[in-house]
PDB file of N, CA and C in Angstrom:
ATOM      1  N   UNK A   1     -23.742  -9.600 -18.828  1.00  0.00           N
ATOM      2  CA  UNK A   1     -23.675  -8.567 -17.790  1.00  0.00           C
ATOM      3  C   UNK A   1     -22.355  -7.798 -17.799  1.00  0.00           C
ATOM      4  N   UNK A   2     -22.359  -6.519 -17.810  1.00  0.00           N
ATOM      5  CA  UNK A   2     -21.124  -5.787 -17.885  1.00  0.00           C
ATOM      6  C   UNK A   2     -20.772  -5.311 -16.452  1.00  0.00           C
ATOM      7  N   UNK A   3     -19.536  -5.548 -16.148  1.00  0.00           N
ATOM      8  CA  UNK A   3     -18.978  -5.261 -14.757  1.00  0.00           C
ATOM      9  C   UNK A   3     -18.903  -3.704 -14.634  1.00  0.00           C
ATOM     10  N   UNK A   4     -19.191  -3.239 -13.413  1.00  0.00           N
ATOM     11  CA  UNK A   4     -19.017  -1.805 -13.104  1.00  0.00           C
ATOM     12  C   UNK A   4     -17.742  -1.565 -12.425  1.00  0.00           C
ATOM     13  N   UNK A   5     -16.913  -2.597 -12.155  1.00  0.00           N
ATOM     14  CA  UNK A   5     -15.672  -2.384 -11.453  1.00  0.00           C
ATOM     15  C   UNK A   5     -14.545  -2.019 -12.488  1.00  0.00           C
ATOM     16  N   UNK A   6     -13.785  -0.968 -12.111  1.00  0.00           N
ATOM     17  CA  UNK A   6     -12.648  -0.645 -13.031  1.00  0.00           C
ATOM     18  C   UNK A   6     -11.440  -1.580 -12.729  1.00  0.00           C
ATOM     19  N   UNK A   7     -10.558  -1.541 -13.526  1.00  0.00           N
ATOM     20  CA  UNK A   7      -9.380  -2.415 -13.393  1.00  0.00           C
ATOM     21  C   UNK A   7      -8.670  -2.194 -12.091  1.00  0.00           C
ATOM     22  N   UNK A   8      -8.572  -0.919 -11.654  1.00  0.00           N
ATOM     23  CA  UNK A   8      -7.951  -0.480 -10.453  1.00  0.00           C
ATOM     24  C   UNK A   8      -8.707  -1.043  -9.263  1.00  0.00           C
ATOM     25  N   UNK A   9     -10.049  -1.114  -9.327  1.00  0.00           N
ATOM     26  CA  UNK A   9     -10.868  -1.572  -8.195  1.00  0.00           C
ATOM     27  C   UNK A   9     -10.789  -3.113  -8.051  1.00  0.00           C
ATOM     28  N   UNK A  10     -10.524  -3.751  -9.189  1.00  0.00           N
ATOM     29  CA  UNK A  10     -10.511  -5.252  -9.153  1.00  0.00           C
ATOM     30  C   UNK A  10      -9.325  -5.790  -8.469  1.00  0.00           C
ATOM     31  N   UNK A  11      -8.120  -5.398  -8.778  1.00  0.00           N
ATOM     32  CA  UNK A  11      -6.840  -5.891  -8.211  1.00  0.00           C
ATOM     33  C   UNK A  11      -6.530  -5.130  -6.996  1.00  0.00           C
ATOM     34  N   UNK A  12      -6.510  -5.750  -5.827  1.00  0.00           N
ATOM     35  CA  UNK A  12      -6.155  -5.053  -4.602  1.00  0.00           C
ATOM     36  C   UNK A  12      -4.587  -5.002  -4.417  1.00  0.00           C
ATOM     37  N   UNK A  13      -3.992  -6.237  -4.434  1.00  0.00           N
ATOM     38  CA  UNK A  13      -2.490  -6.239  -4.308  1.00  0.00           C
ATOM     39  C   UNK A  13      -1.954  -7.700  -4.709  1.00  0.00           C
ATOM     40  N   UNK A  14      -0.716  -7.756  -5.203  1.00  0.00           N
ATOM     41  CA  UNK A  14      -0.068  -9.023  -5.471  1.00  0.00           C
ATOM     42  C   UNK A  14       0.251  -9.710  -4.212  1.00  0.00           C
ATOM     43  N   UNK A  15       0.273 -11.030  -4.136  1.00  0.00           N
ATOM     44  CA  UNK A  15       0.604 -11.823  -2.975  1.00  0.00           C
ATOM     45  C   UNK A  15       1.850 -12.564  -3.170  1.00  0.00           C
ATOM     46  N   UNK A  16       2.767 -12.406  -2.190  1.00  0.00           N
ATOM     47  CA  UNK A  16       4.003 -13.211  -2.263  1.00  0.00           C
ATOM     48  C   UNK A  16       4.140 -14.005  -1.013  1.00  0.00           C
ATOM     49  N   UNK A  17       4.013 -15.308  -1.190  1.00  0.00           N
ATOM     50  CA  UNK A  17       4.249 -16.336  -0.128  1.00  0.00           C
ATOM     51  C   UNK A  17       5.079 -17.413  -0.616  1.00  0.00           C
ATOM     52  N   UNK A  18       5.419 -18.300   0.179  1.00  0.00           N
ATOM     53  CA  UNK A  18       6.245 -19.528  -0.290  1.00  0.00           C
ATOM     54  C   UNK A  18       5.516 -20.189  -1.401  1.00  0.00           C
ATOM     55  N   UNK A  19       4.204 -20.527  -1.158  1.00  0.00           N
ATOM     56  CA  UNK A  19       3.359 -21.173  -2.159  1.00  0.00           C
ATOM     57  C   UNK A  19       3.227 -20.409  -3.434  1.00  0.00           C
ATOM     58  N   UNK A  20       3.160 -19.031  -3.299  1.00  0.00           N
ATOM     59  CA  UNK A  20       3.017 -18.250  -4.508  1.00  0.00           C
ATOM     60  C   UNK A  20       4.292 -18.242  -5.281  1.00  0.00           C
ATOM     61  N   UNK A  21       5.438 -18.316  -4.656  1.00  0.00           N
ATOM     62  CA  UNK A  21       6.694 -18.388  -5.346  1.00  0.00           C
ATOM     63  C   UNK A  21       6.850 -19.703  -6.135  1.00  0.00           C
ATOM     64  N   UNK A  22       6.431 -20.756  -5.512  1.00  0.00           N
ATOM     65  CA  UNK A  22       6.423 -22.114  -6.104  1.00  0.00           C
ATOM     66  C   UNK A  22       5.574 -22.111  -7.340  1.00  0.00           C
ATOM     67  N   UNK A  23       4.382 -21.493  -7.302  1.00  0.00           N
ATOM     68  CA  UNK A  23       3.469 -21.493  -8.504  1.00  0.00           C
ATOM     69  C   UNK A  23       4.103 -20.585  -9.567  1.00  0.00           C
ATOM     70  N   UNK A  24       4.709 -19.528  -9.146  1.00  0.00           N
ATOM     71  CA  UNK A  24       5.351 -18.596 -10.054  1.00  0.00           C
ATOM     72  C   UNK A  24       6.414 -19.322 -10.918  1.00  0.00           C
ATOM     73  N   UNK A  25       7.286 -20.050 -10.252  1.00  0.00           N
ATOM     74  CA  UNK A  25       8.410 -20.738 -10.940  1.00  0.00           C
ATOM     75  C   UNK A  25       7.867 -21.962 -11.709  1.00  0.00           C
ATOM     76  N   UNK A  26       7.036 -22.764 -11.126  1.00  0.00           N
ATOM     77  CA  UNK A  26       6.644 -24.079 -11.644  1.00  0.00           C
ATOM     78  C   UNK A  26       5.577 -23.992 -12.769  1.00  0.00           C
ATOM     79  N   UNK A  27       4.573 -23.080 -12.491  1.00  0.00           N
ATOM     80  CA  UNK A  27       3.427 -23.097 -13.380  1.00  0.00           C
ATOM     81  C   UNK A  27       3.115 -21.787 -14.040  1.00  0.00           C
ATOM     82  N   UNK A  28       4.054 -20.812 -14.003  1.00  0.00           N
ATOM     83  CA  UNK A  28       3.923 -19.493 -14.684  1.00  0.00           C
ATOM     84  C   UNK A  28       2.580 -18.807 -14.129  1.00  0.00           C
ATOM     85  N   UNK A  29       2.300 -18.935 -12.854  1.00  0.00           N
ATOM     86  CA  UNK A  29       1.215 -18.303 -12.288  1.00  0.00           C
ATOM     87  C   UNK A  29       1.586 -17.201 -11.333  1.00  0.00           C
ATOM     88  N   UNK A  30       0.887 -16.116 -11.228  1.00  0.00           N
ATOM     89  CA  UNK A  30       1.064 -15.106 -10.204  1.00  0.00           C
ATOM     90  C   UNK A  30      -0.211 -14.914  -9.453  1.00  0.00           C
ATOM     91  N   UNK A  31      -0.014 -14.653  -8.147  1.00  0.00           N
ATOM     92  CA  UNK A  31      -1.177 -14.632  -7.200  1.00  0.00           C
ATOM     93  C   UNK A  31      -1.503 -13.251  -6.808  1.00  0.00           C
ATOM     94  N   UNK A  32      -2.848 -12.906  -6.838  1.00  0.00           N
ATOM     95  CA  UNK A  32      -3.255 -11.622  -6.403  1.00  0.00           C
ATOM     96  C   UNK A  32      -4.415 -11.736  -5.390  1.00  0.00           C
ATOM     97  N   UNK A  33      -4.571 -10.658  -4.601  1.00  0.00           N
ATOM     98  CA  UNK A  33      -5.757 -10.547  -3.735  1.00  0.00           C
ATOM     99  C   UNK A  33      -6.671  -9.584  -4.536  1.00  0.00           C
ATOM    100  N   UNK A  34      -7.928  -9.979  -4.810  1.00  0.00           N
ATOM    101  CA  UNK A  34      -8.739  -9.219  -5.599  1.00  0.00           C
ATOM    102  C   UNK A  34     -10.087  -8.855  -4.885  1.00  0.00           C
ATOM    103  N   UNK A  35     -10.855  -7.989  -5.483  1.00  0.00           N
ATOM    104  CA  UNK A  35     -12.162  -7.566  -4.908  1.00  0.00           C
ATOM    105  C   UNK A  35     -13.116  -8.820  -4.813  1.00  0.00           C
ATOM    106  N   UNK A  36     -13.850  -8.852  -3.809  1.00  0.00           N
ATOM    107  CA  UNK A  36     -14.789  -9.967  -3.608  1.00  0.00           C
ATOM    108  C   UNK A  36     -15.920  -9.895  -4.676  1.00  0.00           C
ATOM    109  N   UNK A  37     -16.184  -8.750  -5.231  1.00  0.00           N
ATOM    110  CA  UNK A  37     -17.245  -8.565  -6.198  1.00  0.00           C
ATOM    111  C   UNK A  37     -16.728  -8.909  -7.612  1.00  0.00           C
ATOM    112  N   UNK A  38     -15.398  -9.080  -7.822  1.00  0.00           N
ATOM    113  CA  UNK A  38     -14.866  -9.352  -9.157  1.00  0.00           C
ATOM    114  C   UNK A  38     -15.000 -10.802  -9.546  1.00  0.00           C
ATOM    115  N   UNK A  39     -15.488 -11.063 -10.792  1.00  0.00           N
ATOM    116  CA  UNK A  39     -15.479 -12.444 -11.236  1.00  0.00           C
ATOM    117  C   UNK A  39     -14.203 -12.722 -12.050  1.00  0.00           C
ATOM    118  N   UNK A  40     -14.094 -13.947 -12.541  1.00  0.00           N
ATOM    119  CA  UNK A  40     -12.896 -14.317 -13.248  1.00  0.00           C
ATOM    120  C   UNK A  40     -12.647 -13.412 -14.530  1.00  0.00           C
ATOM    121  N   UNK A  41     -13.672 -13.084 -15.238  1.00  0.00           N
ATOM    122  CA  UNK A  41     -13.590 -12.234 -16.393  1.00  0.00           C
ATOM    123  C   UNK A  41     -13.071 -10.890 -16.019  1.00  0.00           C
ATOM    124  N   UNK A  42     -13.564 -10.291 -14.871  1.00  0.00           N
ATOM    125  CA  UNK A  42     -13.090  -8.975 -14.348  1.00  0.00           C
ATOM    126  C   UNK A  42     -11.572  -9.069 -14.085  1.00  0.00           C
ATOM    127  N   UNK A  43     -11.202 -10.132 -13.426  1.00  0.00           N
ATOM    128  CA  UNK A  43      -9.792 -10.340 -13.069  1.00  0.00           C
ATOM    129  C   UNK A  43      -8.911 -10.414 -14.273  1.00  0.00           C
ATOM    130  N   UNK A  44      -9.355 -11.224 -15.263  1.00  0.00           N
ATOM    131  CA  UNK A  44      -8.528 -11.366 -16.509  1.00  0.00           C
ATOM    132  C   UNK A  44      -8.365  -9.991 -17.172  1.00  0.00           C
ATOM    133  N   UNK A  45      -9.489  -9.287 -17.355  1.00  0.00           N
ATOM    134  CA  UNK A  45      -9.466  -8.036 -18.028  1.00  0.00           C
ATOM    135  C   UNK A  45      -8.556  -7.096 -17.284  1.00  0.00           C
ATOM    136  N   UNK A  46      -8.648  -7.001 -15.949  1.00  0.00           N
ATOM    137  CA  UNK A  46      -7.815  -6.057 -15.130  1.00  0.00           C
ATOM    138  C   UNK A  46      -6.454  -6.331 -15.225  1.00  0.00           C
ATOM    139  N   UNK A  47      -6.013  -7.574 -15.160  1.00  0.00           N
ATOM    140  CA  UNK A  47      -4.593  -7.994 -15.156  1.00  0.00           C
ATOM    141  C   UNK A  47      -4.006  -7.665 -16.562  1.00  0.00           C
ATOM    142  N   UNK A  48      -4.767  -7.959 -17.606  1.00  0.00           N
ATOM    143  CA  UNK A  48      -4.340  -7.656 -18.970  1.00  0.00           C
ATOM    144  C   UNK A  48      -4.123  -6.098 -19.124  1.00  0.00           C
ATOM    145  N   UNK A  49      -5.051  -5.376 -18.659  1.00  0.00           N
ATOM    146  CA  UNK A  49      -5.003  -3.845 -18.867  1.00  0.00           C
ATOM    147  C   UNK A  49      -3.923  -3.294 -18.016  1.00  0.00           C
ATOM    148  N   UNK A  50      -3.792  -3.652 -16.771  1.00  0.00           N
ATOM    149  CA  UNK A  50      -2.899  -3.039 -15.855  1.00  0.00           C
ATOM    150  C   UNK A  50      -1.431  -3.391 -16.125  1.00  0.00           C
ATOM    151  N   UNK A  51      -1.165  -4.654 -16.444  1.00  0.00           N
ATOM    152  CA  UNK A  51       0.196  -5.103 -16.522  1.00  0.00           C
ATOM    153  C   UNK A  51       0.616  -5.483 -17.955  1.00  0.00           C
ATOM    154  N   UNK A  52      -0.190  -5.337 -18.954  1.00  0.00           N
ATOM    155  CA  UNK A  52       0.164  -5.499 -20.347  1.00  0.00           C
ATOM    156  C   UNK A  52       0.689  -6.928 -20.633  1.00  0.00           C
ATOM    157  N   UNK A  53       0.008  -7.957 -20.128  1.00  0.00           N
ATOM    158  CA  UNK A  53       0.330  -9.321 -20.329  1.00  0.00           C
ATOM    159  C   UNK A  53      -0.908 -10.017 -20.831  1.00  0.00           C
ATOM    160  N   UNK A  54      -0.756 -11.288 -21.263  1.00  0.00           N
ATOM    161  CA  UNK A  54      -1.982 -12.116 -21.751  1.00  0.00           C
ATOM    162  C   UNK A  54      -2.172 -13.153 -20.723  1.00  0.00           C
ATOM    163  N   UNK A  55      -3.424 -13.283 -20.319  1.00  0.00           N
ATOM    164  CA  UNK A  55      -3.870 -14.241 -19.336  1.00  0.00           C
ATOM    165  C   UNK A  55      -4.407 -15.509 -19.961  1.00  0.00           C
ATOM    166  N   UNK A  56      -3.941 -16.642 -19.571  1.00  0.00           N
ATOM    167  CA  UNK A  56      -4.439 -17.908 -20.112  1.00  0.00           C
ATOM    168  C   UNK A  56      -5.660 -18.406 -19.348  1.00  0.00           C
ATOM    169  N   UNK A  57      -5.507 -18.272 -17.939  1.00  0.00           N
ATOM    170  CA  UNK A  57      -6.599 -18.827 -17.072  1.00  0.00           C
ATOM    171  C   UNK A  57      -6.574 -18.130 -15.742  1.00  0.00           C
ATOM    172  N   UNK A  58      -7.726 -18.029 -15.131  1.00  0.00           N
ATOM    173  CA  UNK A  58      -7.854 -17.371 -13.791  1.00  0.00           C
ATOM    174  C   UNK A  58      -8.566 -18.415 -12.931  1.00  0.00           C
ATOM    175  N   UNK A  59      -8.001 -18.701 -11.755  1.00  0.00           N
ATOM    176  CA  UNK A  59      -8.645 -19.549 -10.754  1.00  0.00           C
ATOM    177  C   UNK A  59      -8.831 -18.719  -9.506  1.00  0.00           C
ATOM    178  N   UNK A  60     -10.054 -18.746  -8.902  1.00  0.00           N
ATOM    179  CA  UNK A  60     -10.198 -17.949  -7.700  1.00  0.00           C
ATOM    180  C   UNK A  60     -10.699 -18.800  -6.503  1.00  0.00           C
ATOM    181  N   UNK A  61     -10.423 -18.298  -5.324  1.00  0.00           N
ATOM    182  CA  UNK A  61     -10.995 -18.904  -4.110  1.00  0.00           C
ATOM    183  C   UNK A  61     -11.139 -17.863  -3.038  1.00  0.00           C
ATOM    184  N   UNK A  62     -11.982 -18.115  -2.089  1.00  0.00           N
ATOM    185  CA  UNK A  62     -12.186 -17.250  -0.982  1.00  0.00           C
ATOM    186  C   UNK A  62     -11.371 -17.813   0.192  1.00  0.00           C
ATOM    187  N   UNK A  63     -10.408 -16.970   0.764  1.00  0.00           N
ATOM    188  CA  UNK A  63      -9.618 -17.476   1.874  1.00  0.00           C
ATOM    189  C   UNK A  63     -10.437 -17.496   3.179  1.00  0.00           C
ATOM    190  N   UNK A  64      -9.803 -18.165   4.165  1.00  0.00           N
ATOM    191  CA  UNK A  64     -10.505 -18.204   5.442  1.00  0.00           C
ATOM    192  C   UNK A  64     -10.601 -16.871   6.114  1.00  0.00           C
ATOM    193  N   UNK A  65      -9.802 -15.915   5.693  1.00  0.00           N
ATOM    194  CA  UNK A  65      -9.878 -14.464   6.225  1.00  0.00           C
ATOM    195  C   UNK A  65     -10.988 -13.720   5.478  1.00  0.00           C
ATOM    196  N   UNK A  66     -11.644 -14.289   4.464  1.00  0.00           N
ATOM    197  CA  UNK A  66     -12.746 -13.580   3.720  1.00  0.00           C
ATOM    198  C   UNK A  66     -12.254 -12.830   2.550  1.00  0.00           C
ATOM    199  N   UNK A  67     -10.985 -13.053   2.133  1.00  0.00           N
ATOM    200  CA  UNK A  67     -10.466 -12.330   0.959  1.00  0.00           C
ATOM    201  C   UNK A  67     -10.558 -13.214  -0.234  1.00  0.00           C
ATOM    202  N   UNK A  68     -10.688 -12.617  -1.401  1.00  0.00           N
ATOM    203  CA  UNK A  68     -10.666 -13.469  -2.637  1.00  0.00           C
ATOM    204  C   UNK A  68      -9.256 -13.424  -3.174  1.00  0.00           C
ATOM    205  N   UNK A  69      -8.737 -14.705  -3.453  1.00  0.00           N
ATOM    206  CA  UNK A  69      -7.416 -14.905  -3.975  1.00  0.00           C
ATOM    207  C   UNK A  69      -7.528 -15.375  -5.427  1.00  0.00           C
ATOM    208  N   UNK A  70      -6.795 -14.732  -6.359  1.00  0.00           N
ATOM    209  CA  UNK A  70      -6.844 -15.152  -7.744  1.00  0.00           C
ATOM    210  C   UNK A  70      -5.464 -15.664  -8.196  1.00  0.00           C
ATOM    211  N   UNK A  71      -5.468 -16.847  -8.727  1.00  0.00           N
ATOM    212  CA  UNK A  71      -4.280 -17.434  -9.315  1.00  0.00           C
ATOM    213  C   UNK A  71      -4.403 -17.161 -10.798  1.00  0.00           C
ATOM    214  N   UNK A  72      -3.433 -16.354 -11.359  1.00  0.00           N
ATOM    215  CA  UNK A  72      -3.511 -15.893 -12.721  1.00  0.00           C
ATOM    216  C   UNK A  72      -2.374 -16.644 -13.589  1.00  0.00           C
ATOM    217  N   UNK A  73      -2.764 -17.534 -14.375  1.00  0.00           N
ATOM    218  CA  UNK A  73      -1.834 -18.270 -15.304  1.00  0.00           C
ATOM    219  C   UNK A  73      -1.626 -17.364 -16.600  1.00  0.00           C
ATOM    220  N   UNK A  74      -0.312 -17.048 -16.801  1.00  0.00           N
ATOM    221  CA  UNK A  74      -0.051 -16.282 -17.971  1.00  0.00           C
ATOM    222  C   UNK A  74       0.197 -17.154 -19.187  1.00  0.00           C
ATOM    223  N   UNK A  75      -0.026 -16.584 -20.363  1.00  0.00           N
ATOM    224  CA  UNK A  75       0.290 -17.403 -21.613  1.00  0.00           C
ATOM    225  C   UNK A  75       1.779 -17.580 -21.710  1.00  0.00           C
ATOM    226  N   UNK A  76       2.159 -18.554 -22.519  1.00  0.00           N
ATOM    227  CA  UNK A  76       3.658 -18.992 -22.580  1.00  0.00           C
ATOM    228  C   UNK A  76       4.531 -17.875 -23.035  1.00  0.00           C
ATOM    229  N   UNK A  77       3.973 -16.870 -23.762  1.00  0.00           N
ATOM    230  CA  UNK A  77       4.890 -15.698 -24.243  1.00  0.00           C
ATOM    231  C   UNK A  77       5.118 -14.676 -23.160  1.00  0.00           C
ATOM    232  N   UNK A  78       4.564 -14.831 -21.988  1.00  0.00           N
ATOM    233  CA  UNK A  78       4.864 -13.961 -20.918  1.00  0.00           C
ATOM    234  C   UNK A  78       5.355 -14.785 -19.633  1.00  0.00           C
ATOM    235  N   UNK A  79       6.331 -14.226 -18.983  1.00  0.00           N
ATOM    236  CA  UNK A  79       6.813 -14.920 -17.774  1.00  0.00           C
ATOM    237  C   UNK A  79       6.269 -14.337 -16.530  1.00  0.00           C
ATOM    238  N   UNK A  80       5.706 -15.106 -15.597  1.00  0.00           N
ATOM    239  CA  UNK A  80       5.139 -14.571 -14.334  1.00  0.00           C
ATOM    240  C   UNK A  80       6.328 -14.005 -13.526  1.00  0.00           C
ATOM    241  N   UNK A  81       7.508 -14.491 -13.639  1.00  0.00           N
ATOM    242  CA  UNK A  81       8.640 -14.019 -12.867  1.00  0.00           C
ATOM    243  C   UNK A  81       8.957 -12.651 -13.271  1.00  0.00           C
ATOM    244  N   UNK A  82       8.924 -12.395 -14.605  1.00  0.00           N
ATOM    245  CA  UNK A  82       9.132 -10.992 -15.097  1.00  0.00           C
ATOM    246  C   UNK A  82       8.206 -10.004 -14.553  1.00  0.00           C
ATOM    247  N   UNK A  83       6.868 -10.426 -14.506  1.00  0.00           N
ATOM    248  CA  UNK A  83       5.899  -9.522 -13.961  1.00  0.00           C
ATOM    249  C   UNK A  83       6.104  -9.308 -12.410  1.00  0.00           C
ATOM    250  N   UNK A  84       6.494 -10.363 -11.773  1.00  0.00           N
ATOM    251  CA  UNK A  84       6.743 -10.285 -10.278  1.00  0.00           C
ATOM    252  C   UNK A  84       7.994  -9.270 -10.093  1.00  0.00           C
ATOM    253  N   UNK A  85       8.952  -9.304 -10.838  1.00  0.00           N
ATOM    254  CA  UNK A  85      10.106  -8.362 -10.829  1.00  0.00           C
ATOM    255  C   UNK A  85       9.607  -6.921 -11.005  1.00  0.00           C
ATOM    256  N   UNK A  86       8.755  -6.759 -12.036  1.00  0.00           N
ATOM    257  CA  UNK A  86       8.192  -5.515 -12.442  1.00  0.00           C
ATOM    258  C   UNK A  86       7.357  -4.895 -11.254  1.00  0.00           C
ATOM    259  N   UNK A  87       6.680  -5.805 -10.516  1.00  0.00           N
ATOM    260  CA  UNK A  87       5.851  -5.374  -9.403  1.00  0.00           C
ATOM    261  C   UNK A  87       6.705  -5.188  -8.132  1.00  0.00           C
ATOM    262  N   UNK A  88       7.922  -5.564  -8.198  1.00  0.00           N
ATOM    263  CA  UNK A  88       8.801  -5.359  -6.999  1.00  0.00           C
ATOM    264  C   UNK A  88       8.755  -6.459  -5.919  1.00  0.00           C
ATOM    265  N   UNK A  89       8.161  -7.664  -6.436  1.00  0.00           N
ATOM    266  CA  UNK A  89       8.008  -8.777  -5.528  1.00  0.00           C
ATOM    267  C   UNK A  89       9.263  -9.624  -5.371  1.00  0.00           C
ATOM    268  N   UNK A  90      10.071  -9.672  -6.447  1.00  0.00           N
ATOM    269  CA  UNK A  90      11.280 -10.449  -6.473  1.00  0.00           C
ATOM    270  C   UNK A  90      12.468  -9.615  -6.633  1.00  0.00           C
TER     271      UNK A  90
END
């Protein structure tokens, strides 16, 4: 099945919380709020296209507020902290 969501439609915004910073530093993961219609493949494609990084793994969950949160683990040749700085989070 081919997704009809564009990269811009998939990623809503990056999330910065205490837990997100811990994941950023410890596990090279960056956290985003994404579209509810997006699946893991959509999220991986969108992050790679928008931010020019390589994604190793995507984990998603639906928050109690009804938003979809995606934890994006980058490959070892990219640093999540560098992407966070580029996005203005750090």
